[in-house]
Amino acid sequence: MKITLRMDDFDPRIRLSHIRPLHEEFVKRKIPMLVTINNIMGSDYIMDKEVLDYVNSTDPKSWDIQLHGLEHEKIWTLNKAQVYRDVYCNLELTKRDFIHSNPTLYCPAWNQTSIFLEQVCKSFGLKVVVASKTIREFLLNWGTELYESQIYYWHWWTPDDVQMIPAVLDKVLKVEQQKDA
């Protein structure tokens, strides 16, 4: 049983004041913070230097840096050449900007996939992973699910998600302890 919390939309809009307190909550509980990278969001295409410096200077084991798309596109609607460009650029820019990253997952925006996306990701050694549940559902279903290998997603820009993170992390630890008992 593995519960994974995935923060989507780690993109050029994010600032240190957004990410540091969230990361500290994960570090406090010794849970790596899984973030999925979009290298472009709207007209923003450069990651904030303070954010990059922070991520690159903290313990690499406290991060799990994965891919979410070059842009926040509906990638399942693109042709194979466009999908290839998106995945390739997302992978290369992420590895360039986040010096300790070695992405193995592609978590598509909108949690949709396609045959092209699956094929292209496989050629890069990436596994496509979609999530269908939010962290709100994780909290609401306490004790009513088995929580087997489930991925719950959340967003740094959603105030409710940010506020829930400490309780969600504590619940993950409780579920994991119960599993081990």
C-alpha atoms as a PDB file:
ATOM      1  CA  MET A   1       0.000   0.000   0.000  1.00  0.00           C
ATOM      2  CA  LYS A   2       1.483   3.319  -1.057  1.00  0.00           C
ATOM      3  CA  ILE A   3      -0.205   6.666  -0.730  1.00  0.00           C
ATOM      4  CA  THR A   4       1.230   9.349  -2.953  1.00  0.00           C
ATOM      5  CA  LEU A   5       0.502  13.056  -2.688  1.00  0.00           C
ATOM      6  CA  ARG A   6       1.254  14.870  -5.918  1.00  0.00           C
ATOM      7  CA  MET A   7       1.485  18.646  -6.143  1.00  0.00           C
ATOM      8  CA  ASP A   8       0.618  19.640  -9.700  1.00  0.00           C
ATOM      9  CA  ASP A   9       1.404  22.860 -11.569  1.00  0.00           C
ATOM     10  CA  PHE A  10       4.860  23.597 -10.174  1.00  0.00           C
ATOM     11  CA  ASP A  11       5.479  26.285 -12.758  1.00  0.00           C
ATOM     12  CA  PRO A  12       6.964  29.784 -13.270  1.00  0.00           C
ATOM     13  CA  ARG A  13       4.180  31.385 -11.199  1.00  0.00           C
ATOM     14  CA  ILE A  14       5.341  29.727  -7.976  1.00  0.00           C
ATOM     15  CA  ARG A  15       7.341  31.808  -5.503  1.00  0.00           C
ATOM     16  CA  LEU A  16       9.499  30.874  -2.552  1.00  0.00           C
ATOM     17  CA  SER A  17       6.820  32.111  -0.162  1.00  0.00           C
ATOM     18  CA  HIS A  18       4.471  29.498  -1.661  1.00  0.00           C
ATOM     19  CA  ILE A  19       6.793  26.503  -1.752  1.00  0.00           C
ATOM     20  CA  ARG A  20       9.043  26.803   1.322  1.00  0.00           C
ATOM     21  CA  PRO A  21       6.354  26.428   4.022  1.00  0.00           C
ATOM     22  CA  LEU A  22       4.784  23.517   2.150  1.00  0.00           C
ATOM     23  CA  HIS A  23       8.127  21.780   1.666  1.00  0.00           C
ATOM     24  CA  GLU A  24       8.925  22.266   5.357  1.00  0.00           C
ATOM     25  CA  GLU A  25       5.721  20.391   6.283  1.00  0.00           C
ATOM     26  CA  PHE A  26       6.869  17.432   4.182  1.00  0.00           C
ATOM     27  CA  VAL A  27      10.421  17.579   5.567  1.00  0.00           C
ATOM     28  CA  LYS A  28       9.101  17.686   9.142  1.00  0.00           C
ATOM     29  CA  ARG A  29       7.343  14.368   8.507  1.00  0.00           C
ATOM     30  CA  LYS A  30      10.174  12.851   6.435  1.00  0.00           C
ATOM     31  CA  ILE A  31       7.949  12.495   3.359  1.00  0.00           C
ATOM     32  CA  PRO A  32       9.487  13.469   0.003  1.00  0.00           C
ATOM     33  CA  MET A  33       7.516  16.233  -1.693  1.00  0.00           C
ATOM     34  CA  LEU A  34       6.380  15.069  -5.118  1.00  0.00           C
ATOM     35  CA  VAL A  35       6.023  18.022  -7.478  1.00  0.00           C
ATOM     36  CA  THR A  36       5.120  17.938 -11.147  1.00  0.00           C
ATOM     37  CA  ILE A  37       6.745  20.538 -13.372  1.00  0.00           C
ATOM     38  CA  ASN A  38       5.213  22.735 -16.068  1.00  0.00           C
ATOM     39  CA  ASN A  39       8.017  24.793 -17.602  1.00  0.00           C
ATOM     40  CA  ILE A  40       5.662  27.351 -19.154  1.00  0.00           C
ATOM     41  CA  MET A  41       2.445  28.790 -17.786  1.00  0.00           C
ATOM     42  CA  GLY A  42       0.698  31.420 -19.841  1.00  0.00           C
ATOM     43  CA  SER A  43       3.280  34.042 -20.765  1.00  0.00           C
ATOM     44  CA  ASP A  44       5.663  32.965 -17.971  1.00  0.00           C
ATOM     45  CA  TYR A  45       8.517  30.735 -19.115  1.00  0.00           C
ATOM     46  CA  ILE A  46      11.299  31.305 -16.588  1.00  0.00           C
ATOM     47  CA  MET A  47      11.251  29.640 -13.177  1.00  0.00           C
ATOM     48  CA  ASP A  48      11.765  31.992 -10.259  1.00  0.00           C
ATOM     49  CA  LYS A  49      15.465  32.094  -9.315  1.00  0.00           C
ATOM     50  CA  GLU A  50      14.761  31.993  -5.563  1.00  0.00           C
ATOM     51  CA  VAL A  51      12.623  28.883  -6.042  1.00  0.00           C
ATOM     52  CA  LEU A  52      15.286  27.163  -8.124  1.00  0.00           C
ATOM     53  CA  ASP A  53      17.998  28.095  -5.629  1.00  0.00           C
ATOM     54  CA  TYR A  54      15.895  26.742  -2.772  1.00  0.00           C
ATOM     55  CA  VAL A  55      15.017  23.452  -4.456  1.00  0.00           C
ATOM     56  CA  ASN A  56      18.569  22.926  -5.710  1.00  0.00           C
ATOM     57  CA  SER A  57      20.160  23.708  -2.326  1.00  0.00           C
ATOM     58  CA  THR A  58      17.898  21.585  -0.099  1.00  0.00           C
ATOM     59  CA  ASP A  59      18.289  17.861   0.466  1.00  0.00           C
ATOM     60  CA  PRO A  60      17.565  16.152  -2.871  1.00  0.00           C
ATOM     61  CA  LYS A  61      15.967  13.254  -0.962  1.00  0.00           C
ATOM     62  CA  SER A  62      13.271  15.638   0.277  1.00  0.00           C
ATOM     63  CA  TRP A  63      12.039  16.135  -3.308  1.00  0.00           C
ATOM     64  CA  ASP A  64      10.488  13.920  -5.946  1.00  0.00           C
ATOM     65  CA  ILE A  65      10.549  16.033  -9.105  1.00  0.00           C
ATOM     66  CA  GLN A  66       8.448  14.712 -11.981  1.00  0.00           C
ATOM     67  CA  LEU A  67       6.857  16.042 -15.174  1.00  0.00           C
ATOM     68  CA  HIS A  68       3.456  17.637 -15.828  1.00  0.00           C
ATOM     69  CA  GLY A  69       3.990  18.992 -19.340  1.00  0.00           C
ATOM     70  CA  LEU A  70       5.910  21.733 -21.065  1.00  0.00           C
ATOM     71  CA  GLU A  71       2.754  23.812 -20.908  1.00  0.00           C
ATOM     72  CA  HIS A  72      -0.483  22.999 -19.158  1.00  0.00           C
ATOM     73  CA  GLU A  73      -2.016  21.622 -22.351  1.00  0.00           C
ATOM     74  CA  LYS A  74      -4.577  18.963 -23.110  1.00  0.00           C
ATOM     75  CA  ILE A  75      -1.769  16.772 -24.401  1.00  0.00           C
ATOM     76  CA  TRP A  76      -4.062  13.863 -25.246  1.00  0.00           C
ATOM     77  CA  THR A  77      -5.477  15.992 -28.096  1.00  0.00           C
ATOM     78  CA  LEU A  78      -2.087  16.616 -29.761  1.00  0.00           C
ATOM     79  CA  ASN A  79      -0.528  14.646 -32.601  1.00  0.00           C
ATOM     80  CA  LYS A  80       2.517  12.444 -32.019  1.00  0.00           C
ATOM     81  CA  ALA A  81       5.056  15.081 -33.129  1.00  0.00           C
ATOM     82  CA  GLN A  82       3.544  17.647 -30.768  1.00  0.00           C
ATOM     83  CA  VAL A  83       3.483  15.142 -27.920  1.00  0.00           C
ATOM     84  CA  TYR A  84       7.135  14.275 -28.567  1.00  0.00           C
ATOM     85  CA  ARG A  85       8.123  17.974 -28.520  1.00  0.00           C
ATOM     86  CA  ASP A  86       6.192  18.575 -25.303  1.00  0.00           C
ATOM     87  CA  VAL A  87       7.612  15.594 -23.411  1.00  0.00           C
ATOM     88  CA  TYR A  88      11.177  16.101 -24.681  1.00  0.00           C
ATOM     89  CA  CYS A  89      11.242  19.807 -23.792  1.00  0.00           C
ATOM     90  CA  ASN A  90       9.552  19.225 -20.426  1.00  0.00           C
ATOM     91  CA  LEU A  91      12.127  16.560 -19.561  1.00  0.00           C
ATOM     92  CA  GLU A  92      15.193  18.509 -20.712  1.00  0.00           C
ATOM     93  CA  LEU A  93      14.192  21.850 -19.169  1.00  0.00           C
ATOM     94  CA  THR A  94      13.300  20.176 -15.882  1.00  0.00           C
ATOM     95  CA  LYS A  95      16.642  18.369 -15.704  1.00  0.00           C
ATOM     96  CA  ARG A  96      18.417  21.626 -16.559  1.00  0.00           C
ATOM     97  CA  ASP A  97      16.609  23.745 -13.963  1.00  0.00           C
ATOM     98  CA  PHE A  98      16.350  21.207 -11.129  1.00  0.00           C
ATOM     99  CA  ILE A  99      19.888  19.879 -10.951  1.00  0.00           C
ATOM    100  CA  HIS A 100      19.120  16.859  -8.753  1.00  0.00           C
ATOM    101  CA  SER A 101      16.064  15.763 -10.705  1.00  0.00           C
ATOM    102  CA  ASN A 102      15.795  12.557 -12.653  1.00  0.00           C
ATOM    103  CA  PRO A 103      12.147  12.359 -13.727  1.00  0.00           C
ATOM    104  CA  THR A 104      10.688   8.910 -14.288  1.00  0.00           C
ATOM    105  CA  LEU A 105       7.003   9.872 -14.332  1.00  0.00           C
ATOM    106  CA  TYR A 106       4.910  11.982 -16.645  1.00  0.00           C
ATOM    107  CA  CYS A 107       1.753  13.104 -14.853  1.00  0.00           C
ATOM    108  CA  PRO A 108      -0.264  14.793 -17.603  1.00  0.00           C
ATOM    109  CA  ALA A 109      -2.197  17.960 -16.953  1.00  0.00           C
ATOM    110  CA  TRP A 110      -5.921  17.310 -16.675  1.00  0.00           C
ATOM    111  CA  ASN A 111      -5.132  13.658 -15.756  1.00  0.00           C
ATOM    112  CA  GLN A 112      -5.812  12.414 -19.277  1.00  0.00           C
ATOM    113  CA  THR A 113      -3.571  10.286 -21.456  1.00  0.00           C
ATOM    114  CA  SER A 114      -3.427   8.969 -25.017  1.00  0.00           C
ATOM    115  CA  ILE A 115      -1.778   6.209 -27.006  1.00  0.00           C
ATOM    116  CA  PHE A 116       0.710   8.759 -28.417  1.00  0.00           C
ATOM    117  CA  LEU A 117       1.592  10.016 -24.957  1.00  0.00           C
ATOM    118  CA  GLU A 118       2.096   6.484 -23.642  1.00  0.00           C
ATOM    119  CA  GLN A 119       4.344   5.612 -26.621  1.00  0.00           C
ATOM    120  CA  VAL A 120       6.418   8.791 -26.445  1.00  0.00           C
ATOM    121  CA  CYS A 121       6.906   8.580 -22.688  1.00  0.00           C
ATOM    122  CA  LYS A 122       7.965   4.946 -22.968  1.00  0.00           C
ATOM    123  CA  SER A 123      10.629   5.966 -25.525  1.00  0.00           C
ATOM    124  CA  PHE A 124      12.063   8.357 -22.897  1.00  0.00           C
ATOM    125  CA  GLY A 125      11.863   5.791 -20.102  1.00  0.00           C
ATOM    126  CA  LEU A 126       8.926   7.584 -18.469  1.00  0.00           C
ATOM    127  CA  LYS A 127       5.786   6.064 -17.032  1.00  0.00           C
ATOM    128  CA  VAL A 128       2.492   7.928 -17.495  1.00  0.00           C
ATOM    129  CA  VAL A 129       0.614   8.310 -14.213  1.00  0.00           C
ATOM    130  CA  VAL A 130      -2.819   9.857 -13.829  1.00  0.00           C
ATOM    131  CA  ALA A 131      -4.648  10.590 -10.602  1.00  0.00           C
ATOM    132  CA  SER A 132      -8.374  10.785 -10.150  1.00  0.00           C
ATOM    133  CA  LYS A 133      -8.660  11.805  -6.519  1.00  0.00           C
ATOM    134  CA  THR A 134      -7.947  15.005  -4.663  1.00  0.00           C
ATOM    135  CA  ILE A 135      -6.490  15.381  -1.189  1.00  0.00           C
ATOM    136  CA  ARG A 136      -9.953  16.538  -0.089  1.00  0.00           C
ATOM    137  CA  GLU A 137     -11.281  13.096  -1.004  1.00  0.00           C
ATOM    138  CA  PHE A 138      -8.423  11.521   0.954  1.00  0.00           C
ATOM    139  CA  LEU A 139      -9.432  13.410   4.100  1.00  0.00           C
ATOM    140  CA  LEU A 140     -13.155  12.840   3.642  1.00  0.00           C
ATOM    141  CA  ASN A 141     -12.812   9.089   3.159  1.00  0.00           C
ATOM    142  CA  TRP A 142     -10.809   8.496   6.332  1.00  0.00           C
ATOM    143  CA  GLY A 143     -11.375   4.907   7.360  1.00  0.00           C
ATOM    144  CA  THR A 144     -13.668   4.057   4.459  1.00  0.00           C
ATOM    145  CA  GLU A 145     -11.066   3.061   1.860  1.00  0.00           C
ATOM    146  CA  LEU A 146      -8.164   0.687   1.725  1.00  0.00           C
ATOM    147  CA  TYR A 147      -5.848   3.344   0.269  1.00  0.00           C
ATOM    148  CA  GLU A 148      -3.978   0.858  -1.853  1.00  0.00           C
ATOM    149  CA  SER A 149      -1.467   2.480  -4.210  1.00  0.00           C
ATOM    150  CA  GLN A 150      -3.493   5.624  -4.596  1.00  0.00           C
ATOM    151  CA  ILE A 151      -2.348   8.986  -5.876  1.00  0.00           C
ATOM    152  CA  TYR A 152      -4.002  12.131  -4.580  1.00  0.00           C
ATOM    153  CA  TYR A 153      -3.310  15.413  -6.284  1.00  0.00           C
ATOM    154  CA  TRP A 154      -3.371  18.978  -5.018  1.00  0.00           C
ATOM    155  CA  HIS A 155      -2.384  22.484  -6.104  1.00  0.00           C
ATOM    156  CA  TRP A 156      -0.206  25.090  -4.417  1.00  0.00           C
ATOM    157  CA  TRP A 157      -2.476  27.853  -5.717  1.00  0.00           C
ATOM    158  CA  THR A 158      -5.651  26.476  -4.091  1.00  0.00           C
ATOM    159  CA  PRO A 159      -5.946  27.940  -0.558  1.00  0.00           C
ATOM    160  CA  ASP A 160      -7.998  24.973   0.718  1.00  0.00           C
ATOM    161  CA  ASP A 161      -5.392  22.492  -0.537  1.00  0.00           C
ATOM    162  CA  VAL A 162      -2.546  24.419   1.089  1.00  0.00           C
ATOM    163  CA  GLN A 163      -4.413  24.652   4.384  1.00  0.00           C
ATOM    164  CA  MET A 164      -5.119  20.893   4.357  1.00  0.00           C
ATOM    165  CA  ILE A 165      -1.528  19.752   3.786  1.00  0.00           C
ATOM    166  CA  PRO A 166      -0.519  19.288   7.472  1.00  0.00           C
ATOM    167  CA  ALA A 167      -3.643  17.211   8.205  1.00  0.00           C
ATOM    168  CA  VAL A 168      -3.230  15.212   4.996  1.00  0.00           C
ATOM    169  CA  LEU A 169       0.418  14.452   5.767  1.00  0.00           C
ATOM    170  CA  ASP A 170      -0.469  13.375   9.305  1.00  0.00           C
ATOM    171  CA  LYS A 171      -3.191  11.117   7.921  1.00  0.00           C
ATOM    172  CA  VAL A 172      -0.744   9.555   5.444  1.00  0.00           C
ATOM    173  CA  LEU A 173       1.587   8.740   8.326  1.00  0.00           C
ATOM    174  CA  LYS A 174      -1.291   7.208  10.343  1.00  0.00           C
ATOM    175  CA  VAL A 175      -2.446   5.076   7.424  1.00  0.00           C
ATOM    176  CA  GLU A 176       1.109   3.921   6.770  1.00  0.00           C
ATOM    177  CA  GLN A 177       1.585   3.059  10.478  1.00  0.00           C
ATOM    178  CA  GLN A 178      -1.669   1.088  10.522  1.00  0.00           C
ATOM    179  CA  LYS A 179      -0.515  -0.785   7.436  1.00  0.00           C
ATOM    180  CA  ASP A 180       2.739  -1.741   9.150  1.00  0.00           C
ATOM    181  CA  ALA A 181       1.015  -2.844  12.379  1.00  0.00           C
END
